[in-house]
């Protein structure tokens, strides 16, 4: 079995809560179609440690210059305080390289601004925190903005910073981590705390263990 690597971008002031649901469940074999198929590795501008918005210290696994789309199943881009400046432009440019190579990119909150500025949302349905936020990027895709928690259009996923579980649902679905009905139950459990969804997941896990 070949393990596919999902790369999570890390940088100072990274919004801790935005990609945690996605990365935790990519790495969690419970309910997965093929446990162990995916792993998450972190990528920074350099390999120097970064500090998240919540004060967590992360040492990147690799530097951005060493990342190529051919080695990745997806690039995850969380929000940060610096997306509206120039510091994280290299990540937006790397996202373009991924999309051009047919490898998906998932951006949430401020990272959607970076994709907009790079022109990656001009011809795609997309969302963000609010429509007005992306207007300041100077992009020409405002008519493609949709007022939804998370949106997938071809190889680009976008989401509001207040919707980490909707973002994770799109990420897990695009990667094919769960069967569709399990993904639906997973989302209903974690986003809406539905007891029936937990029972569905538990029954699925028991059936797998007895197969």
C-alpha atoms as a PDB file:
ATOM      1  CA  UNK A   1       0.000   0.000   0.000  1.00  0.00           C
ATOM      2  CA  UNK A   2       1.360   3.404  -1.007  1.00  0.00           C
ATOM      3  CA  UNK A   3       0.993   6.148   1.584  1.00  0.00           C
ATOM      4  CA  UNK A   4      -0.136   9.496   0.207  1.00  0.00           C
ATOM      5  CA  UNK A   5       1.164  12.638   1.871  1.00  0.00           C
ATOM      6  CA  UNK A   6      -1.015  15.642   2.571  1.00  0.00           C
ATOM      7  CA  UNK A   7       1.071  18.760   3.209  1.00  0.00           C
ATOM      8  CA  UNK A   8      -0.133  21.278   5.788  1.00  0.00           C
ATOM      9  CA  UNK A   9       1.379  24.749   5.529  1.00  0.00           C
ATOM     10  CA  UNK A  10       2.591  26.231   8.805  1.00  0.00           C
ATOM     11  CA  UNK A  11       3.633  29.805   9.537  1.00  0.00           C
ATOM     12  CA  UNK A  12       3.595  32.294  12.394  1.00  0.00           C
ATOM     13  CA  UNK A  13       0.084  33.239  13.627  1.00  0.00           C
ATOM     14  CA  UNK A  14      -1.434  30.160  11.957  1.00  0.00           C
ATOM     15  CA  UNK A  15      -5.039  29.851  13.170  1.00  0.00           C
ATOM     16  CA  UNK A  16      -4.848  26.608  15.155  1.00  0.00           C
ATOM     17  CA  UNK A  17      -8.531  25.658  14.959  1.00  0.00           C
ATOM     18  CA  UNK A  18      -8.949  25.953  11.204  1.00  0.00           C
ATOM     19  CA  UNK A  19      -7.255  22.806   9.885  1.00  0.00           C
ATOM     20  CA  UNK A  20      -7.131  20.675  13.037  1.00  0.00           C
ATOM     21  CA  UNK A  21     -10.283  18.723  12.218  1.00  0.00           C
ATOM     22  CA  UNK A  22      -8.933  17.892   8.777  1.00  0.00           C
ATOM     23  CA  UNK A  23      -5.407  16.900   9.816  1.00  0.00           C
ATOM     24  CA  UNK A  24      -6.549  14.899  12.851  1.00  0.00           C
ATOM     25  CA  UNK A  25      -8.928  12.771  10.821  1.00  0.00           C
ATOM     26  CA  UNK A  26      -6.582  12.325   7.870  1.00  0.00           C
ATOM     27  CA  UNK A  27      -4.204  10.751  10.392  1.00  0.00           C
ATOM     28  CA  UNK A  28      -6.907   8.854  12.325  1.00  0.00           C
ATOM     29  CA  UNK A  29      -7.515   5.359  10.861  1.00  0.00           C
ATOM     30  CA  UNK A  30     -10.937   4.983  12.489  1.00  0.00           C
ATOM     31  CA  UNK A  31     -13.739   4.796   9.870  1.00  0.00           C
ATOM     32  CA  UNK A  32     -11.300   5.172   6.946  1.00  0.00           C
ATOM     33  CA  UNK A  33     -11.768   3.120   3.785  1.00  0.00           C
ATOM     34  CA  UNK A  34      -8.094   2.133   3.790  1.00  0.00           C
ATOM     35  CA  UNK A  35      -6.412   2.958   7.124  1.00  0.00           C
ATOM     36  CA  UNK A  36      -2.836   4.119   6.767  1.00  0.00           C
ATOM     37  CA  UNK A  37      -3.308   5.438   3.227  1.00  0.00           C
ATOM     38  CA  UNK A  38      -2.656   9.047   4.236  1.00  0.00           C
ATOM     39  CA  UNK A  39      -0.175  10.934   6.378  1.00  0.00           C
ATOM     40  CA  UNK A  40       0.224  14.647   7.141  1.00  0.00           C
ATOM     41  CA  UNK A  41       3.544  16.466   6.937  1.00  0.00           C
ATOM     42  CA  UNK A  42       4.081  20.148   7.693  1.00  0.00           C
ATOM     43  CA  UNK A  43       5.769  22.615   5.367  1.00  0.00           C
ATOM     44  CA  UNK A  44       7.101  26.051   6.308  1.00  0.00           C
ATOM     45  CA  UNK A  45       8.761  28.871   4.423  1.00  0.00           C
ATOM     46  CA  UNK A  46      11.907  27.397   5.969  1.00  0.00           C
ATOM     47  CA  UNK A  47      12.476  24.600   8.486  1.00  0.00           C
ATOM     48  CA  UNK A  48      12.719  27.144  11.302  1.00  0.00           C
ATOM     49  CA  UNK A  49      10.116  26.726  14.078  1.00  0.00           C
ATOM     50  CA  UNK A  50       6.914  28.749  13.845  1.00  0.00           C
ATOM     51  CA  UNK A  51       4.461  29.826  16.542  1.00  0.00           C
ATOM     52  CA  UNK A  52       0.734  29.498  15.974  1.00  0.00           C
ATOM     53  CA  UNK A  53      -1.881  31.999  17.045  1.00  0.00           C
ATOM     54  CA  UNK A  54      -2.536  29.803  20.057  1.00  0.00           C
ATOM     55  CA  UNK A  55       1.121  29.831  21.076  1.00  0.00           C
ATOM     56  CA  UNK A  56       1.927  26.310  19.854  1.00  0.00           C
ATOM     57  CA  UNK A  57       5.456  25.802  18.526  1.00  0.00           C
ATOM     58  CA  UNK A  58       5.778  23.710  15.347  1.00  0.00           C
ATOM     59  CA  UNK A  59       8.981  22.644  13.603  1.00  0.00           C
ATOM     60  CA  UNK A  60       8.166  22.133   9.883  1.00  0.00           C
ATOM     61  CA  UNK A  61       8.998  18.779   8.340  1.00  0.00           C
ATOM     62  CA  UNK A  62      10.258  20.445   5.181  1.00  0.00           C
ATOM     63  CA  UNK A  63      10.796  23.830   3.567  1.00  0.00           C
ATOM     64  CA  UNK A  64       8.464  25.151   0.881  1.00  0.00           C
ATOM     65  CA  UNK A  65      11.230  25.232  -1.737  1.00  0.00           C
ATOM     66  CA  UNK A  66      11.582  21.457  -1.387  1.00  0.00           C
ATOM     67  CA  UNK A  67       7.895  20.708  -1.938  1.00  0.00           C
ATOM     68  CA  UNK A  68       6.698  19.590  -5.360  1.00  0.00           C
ATOM     69  CA  UNK A  69       3.132  18.710  -6.407  1.00  0.00           C
ATOM     70  CA  UNK A  70       4.278  15.278  -7.579  1.00  0.00           C
ATOM     71  CA  UNK A  71       5.087  14.350  -3.974  1.00  0.00           C
ATOM     72  CA  UNK A  72       1.763  15.478  -2.526  1.00  0.00           C
ATOM     73  CA  UNK A  73      -1.885  14.479  -2.430  1.00  0.00           C
ATOM     74  CA  UNK A  74      -3.058  17.927  -1.304  1.00  0.00           C
ATOM     75  CA  UNK A  75      -1.819  21.238   0.090  1.00  0.00           C
ATOM     76  CA  UNK A  76      -3.685  22.634   3.114  1.00  0.00           C
ATOM     77  CA  UNK A  77      -3.460  26.385   3.708  1.00  0.00           C
ATOM     78  CA  UNK A  78      -4.749  27.693   7.057  1.00  0.00           C
ATOM     79  CA  UNK A  79      -5.456  31.315   7.836  1.00  0.00           C
ATOM     80  CA  UNK A  80      -2.934  33.610   9.524  1.00  0.00           C
ATOM     81  CA  UNK A  81      -2.597  37.301  10.322  1.00  0.00           C
ATOM     82  CA  UNK A  82      -0.103  37.802   7.484  1.00  0.00           C
ATOM     83  CA  UNK A  83      -2.049  36.638   4.434  1.00  0.00           C
ATOM     84  CA  UNK A  84      -2.963  40.165   3.330  1.00  0.00           C
ATOM     85  CA  UNK A  85       0.714  41.168   3.167  1.00  0.00           C
ATOM     86  CA  UNK A  86       3.584  39.792   1.098  1.00  0.00           C
ATOM     87  CA  UNK A  87       5.073  37.277   3.534  1.00  0.00           C
ATOM     88  CA  UNK A  88       2.960  34.308   2.455  1.00  0.00           C
ATOM     89  CA  UNK A  89       2.905  35.022  -1.286  1.00  0.00           C
ATOM     90  CA  UNK A  90       5.293  32.055  -1.855  1.00  0.00           C
ATOM     91  CA  UNK A  91       2.573  29.727  -0.543  1.00  0.00           C
ATOM     92  CA  UNK A  92       0.022  31.213  -2.951  1.00  0.00           C
ATOM     93  CA  UNK A  93       2.457  30.708  -5.812  1.00  0.00           C
ATOM     94  CA  UNK A  94       3.053  27.131  -4.724  1.00  0.00           C
ATOM     95  CA  UNK A  95      -0.723  26.667  -4.671  1.00  0.00           C
ATOM     96  CA  UNK A  96      -0.816  27.756  -8.304  1.00  0.00           C
ATOM     97  CA  UNK A  97       1.846  25.175  -9.163  1.00  0.00           C
ATOM     98  CA  UNK A  98      -0.251  22.513  -7.418  1.00  0.00           C
ATOM     99  CA  UNK A  99      -3.446  23.431  -9.249  1.00  0.00           C
ATOM    100  CA  UNK A 100      -1.657  23.573 -12.590  1.00  0.00           C
ATOM    101  CA  UNK A 101      -0.325  20.081 -11.888  1.00  0.00           C
ATOM    102  CA  UNK A 102      -3.809  18.789 -11.019  1.00  0.00           C
ATOM    103  CA  UNK A 103      -3.100  18.414  -7.293  1.00  0.00           C
ATOM    104  CA  UNK A 104      -5.804  19.899  -5.025  1.00  0.00           C
ATOM    105  CA  UNK A 105      -5.345  22.873  -2.724  1.00  0.00           C
ATOM    106  CA  UNK A 106      -7.563  23.616   0.284  1.00  0.00           C
ATOM    107  CA  UNK A 107      -7.581  27.135   1.758  1.00  0.00           C
ATOM    108  CA  UNK A 108      -9.504  28.487   4.714  1.00  0.00           C
ATOM    109  CA  UNK A 109     -10.036  31.990   6.112  1.00  0.00           C
ATOM    110  CA  UNK A 110      -7.149  34.346   5.261  1.00  0.00           C
ATOM    111  CA  UNK A 111      -5.587  31.819   2.906  1.00  0.00           C
ATOM    112  CA  UNK A 112      -8.524  32.323   0.539  1.00  0.00           C
ATOM    113  CA  UNK A 113      -7.301  35.915   0.165  1.00  0.00           C
ATOM    114  CA  UNK A 114      -3.940  34.579  -0.981  1.00  0.00           C
ATOM    115  CA  UNK A 115      -5.597  32.360  -3.600  1.00  0.00           C
ATOM    116  CA  UNK A 116      -7.759  35.246  -4.789  1.00  0.00           C
ATOM    117  CA  UNK A 117      -4.750  37.529  -5.137  1.00  0.00           C
ATOM    118  CA  UNK A 118      -2.972  34.811  -7.107  1.00  0.00           C
ATOM    119  CA  UNK A 119      -5.927  34.606  -9.530  1.00  0.00           C
ATOM    120  CA  UNK A 120      -6.942  31.093  -8.575  1.00  0.00           C
ATOM    121  CA  UNK A 121     -10.527  32.083  -7.712  1.00  0.00           C
ATOM    122  CA  UNK A 122     -11.284  34.180 -10.779  1.00  0.00           C
ATOM    123  CA  UNK A 123     -12.921  31.284 -12.646  1.00  0.00           C
ATOM    124  CA  UNK A 124     -14.000  29.054  -9.772  1.00  0.00           C
ATOM    125  CA  UNK A 125     -16.920  28.989  -7.373  1.00  0.00           C
ATOM    126  CA  UNK A 126     -15.517  29.851  -3.970  1.00  0.00           C
ATOM    127  CA  UNK A 127     -16.225  31.209  -0.539  1.00  0.00           C
ATOM    128  CA  UNK A 128     -14.394  32.915   2.318  1.00  0.00           C
ATOM    129  CA  UNK A 129     -15.205  34.750   5.551  1.00  0.00           C
ATOM    130  CA  UNK A 130     -17.346  37.332   3.709  1.00  0.00           C
ATOM    131  CA  UNK A 131     -17.444  38.416   0.072  1.00  0.00           C
ATOM    132  CA  UNK A 132     -16.115  41.889   0.880  1.00  0.00           C
ATOM    133  CA  UNK A 133     -12.920  40.428   2.346  1.00  0.00           C
ATOM    134  CA  UNK A 134     -11.787  39.070  -1.018  1.00  0.00           C
ATOM    135  CA  UNK A 135     -12.583  42.270  -2.908  1.00  0.00           C
ATOM    136  CA  UNK A 136      -9.486  43.863  -1.382  1.00  0.00           C
ATOM    137  CA  UNK A 137      -7.321  41.282  -3.169  1.00  0.00           C
ATOM    138  CA  UNK A 138      -8.090  42.978  -6.480  1.00  0.00           C
ATOM    139  CA  UNK A 139      -9.306  39.728  -8.013  1.00  0.00           C
ATOM    140  CA  UNK A 140     -11.904  39.477 -10.756  1.00  0.00           C
ATOM    141  CA  UNK A 141     -13.900  36.536  -9.417  1.00  0.00           C
ATOM    142  CA  UNK A 142     -16.384  38.329  -7.161  1.00  0.00           C
ATOM    143  CA  UNK A 143     -19.309  37.080  -9.251  1.00  0.00           C
ATOM    144  CA  UNK A 144     -18.236  33.512  -8.473  1.00  0.00           C
ATOM    145  CA  UNK A 145     -18.459  33.990  -4.718  1.00  0.00           C
ATOM    146  CA  UNK A 146     -21.093  31.847  -2.985  1.00  0.00           C
ATOM    147  CA  UNK A 147     -22.350  32.314   0.553  1.00  0.00           C
ATOM    148  CA  UNK A 148     -21.583  28.812   1.841  1.00  0.00           C
ATOM    149  CA  UNK A 149     -19.398  27.459   4.640  1.00  0.00           C
ATOM    150  CA  UNK A 150     -17.112  25.542   2.288  1.00  0.00           C
ATOM    151  CA  UNK A 151     -16.959  25.095  -1.471  1.00  0.00           C
ATOM    152  CA  UNK A 152     -15.096  22.735  -3.804  1.00  0.00           C
ATOM    153  CA  UNK A 153     -14.607  23.654  -7.448  1.00  0.00           C
ATOM    154  CA  UNK A 154     -12.321  21.314  -9.352  1.00  0.00           C
ATOM    155  CA  UNK A 155      -9.001  21.243  -7.513  1.00  0.00           C
ATOM    156  CA  UNK A 156      -9.631  24.185  -5.183  1.00  0.00           C
ATOM    157  CA  UNK A 157     -11.398  24.061  -1.807  1.00  0.00           C
ATOM    158  CA  UNK A 158     -12.231  27.271   0.055  1.00  0.00           C
ATOM    159  CA  UNK A 159     -13.900  27.824   3.415  1.00  0.00           C
ATOM    160  CA  UNK A 160     -14.822  30.370   6.048  1.00  0.00           C
ATOM    161  CA  UNK A 161     -12.570  30.524   9.084  1.00  0.00           C
ATOM    162  CA  UNK A 162     -15.597  29.769  11.268  1.00  0.00           C
ATOM    163  CA  UNK A 163     -16.261  26.445   9.521  1.00  0.00           C
ATOM    164  CA  UNK A 164     -13.406  24.032  10.309  1.00  0.00           C
ATOM    165  CA  UNK A 165     -15.640  20.956  10.107  1.00  0.00           C
ATOM    166  CA  UNK A 166     -17.218  21.958   6.792  1.00  0.00           C
ATOM    167  CA  UNK A 167     -13.685  22.568   5.536  1.00  0.00           C
ATOM    168  CA  UNK A 168     -12.587  19.148   6.800  1.00  0.00           C
ATOM    169  CA  UNK A 169     -15.610  17.518   5.155  1.00  0.00           C
ATOM    170  CA  UNK A 170     -14.560  18.903   1.768  1.00  0.00           C
ATOM    171  CA  UNK A 171     -10.928  17.890   2.328  1.00  0.00           C
ATOM    172  CA  UNK A 172     -11.769  14.352   3.452  1.00  0.00           C
ATOM    173  CA  UNK A 173     -14.253  13.983   0.616  1.00  0.00           C
ATOM    174  CA  UNK A 174     -11.816  15.177  -2.048  1.00  0.00           C
ATOM    175  CA  UNK A 175      -9.145  12.800  -0.769  1.00  0.00           C
ATOM    176  CA  UNK A 176     -11.596   9.907  -0.528  1.00  0.00           C
ATOM    177  CA  UNK A 177     -10.707   9.142   3.092  1.00  0.00           C
ATOM    178  CA  UNK A 178     -14.231   7.942   3.982  1.00  0.00           C
ATOM    179  CA  UNK A 179     -17.069   6.354   2.079  1.00  0.00           C
ATOM    180  CA  UNK A 180     -19.685   9.028   1.259  1.00  0.00           C
ATOM    181  CA  UNK A 181     -22.257   7.829   3.832  1.00  0.00           C
ATOM    182  CA  UNK A 182     -19.571   7.660   6.524  1.00  0.00           C
ATOM    183  CA  UNK A 183     -18.375  11.152   5.665  1.00  0.00           C
ATOM    184  CA  UNK A 184     -21.948  12.380   5.991  1.00  0.00           C
ATOM    185  CA  UNK A 185     -22.313  10.738   9.420  1.00  0.00           C
ATOM    186  CA  UNK A 186     -18.896  12.080  10.480  1.00  0.00           C
ATOM    187  CA  UNK A 187     -19.951  15.626   9.606  1.00  0.00           C
ATOM    188  CA  UNK A 188     -23.304  15.336  11.333  1.00  0.00           C
ATOM    189  CA  UNK A 189     -21.576  14.086  14.475  1.00  0.00           C
ATOM    190  CA  UNK A 190     -18.762  16.629  14.709  1.00  0.00           C
ATOM    191  CA  UNK A 191     -20.515  19.666  13.241  1.00  0.00           C
ATOM    192  CA  UNK A 192     -23.996  19.106  14.663  1.00  0.00           C
ATOM    193  CA  UNK A 193     -23.528  16.655  17.586  1.00  0.00           C
ATOM    194  CA  UNK A 194     -26.182  14.277  16.247  1.00  0.00           C
ATOM    195  CA  UNK A 195     -26.412  11.136  18.442  1.00  0.00           C
ATOM    196  CA  UNK A 196     -27.751   9.106  15.501  1.00  0.00           C
ATOM    197  CA  UNK A 197     -24.594   9.886  13.536  1.00  0.00           C
ATOM    198  CA  UNK A 198     -22.430   8.429  16.305  1.00  0.00           C
ATOM    199  CA  UNK A 199     -24.484   5.240  16.233  1.00  0.00           C
ATOM    200  CA  UNK A 200     -23.976   4.975  12.468  1.00  0.00           C
ATOM    201  CA  UNK A 201     -20.224   5.349  12.840  1.00  0.00           C
ATOM    202  CA  UNK A 202     -20.095   2.869  15.718  1.00  0.00           C
ATOM    203  CA  UNK A 203     -22.069   0.298  13.734  1.00  0.00           C
ATOM    204  CA  UNK A 204     -19.746   0.782  10.771  1.00  0.00           C
ATOM    205  CA  UNK A 205     -16.663   0.292  12.950  1.00  0.00           C
ATOM    206  CA  UNK A 206     -18.087  -2.877  14.512  1.00  0.00           C
ATOM    207  CA  UNK A 207     -18.975  -4.273  11.102  1.00  0.00           C
ATOM    208  CA  UNK A 208     -15.424  -3.614   9.882  1.00  0.00           C
ATOM    209  CA  UNK A 209     -13.896  -5.337  12.889  1.00  0.00           C
ATOM    210  CA  UNK A 210     -16.009  -8.440  12.277  1.00  0.00           C
ATOM    211  CA  UNK A 211     -15.343  -8.627   8.530  1.00  0.00           C
END
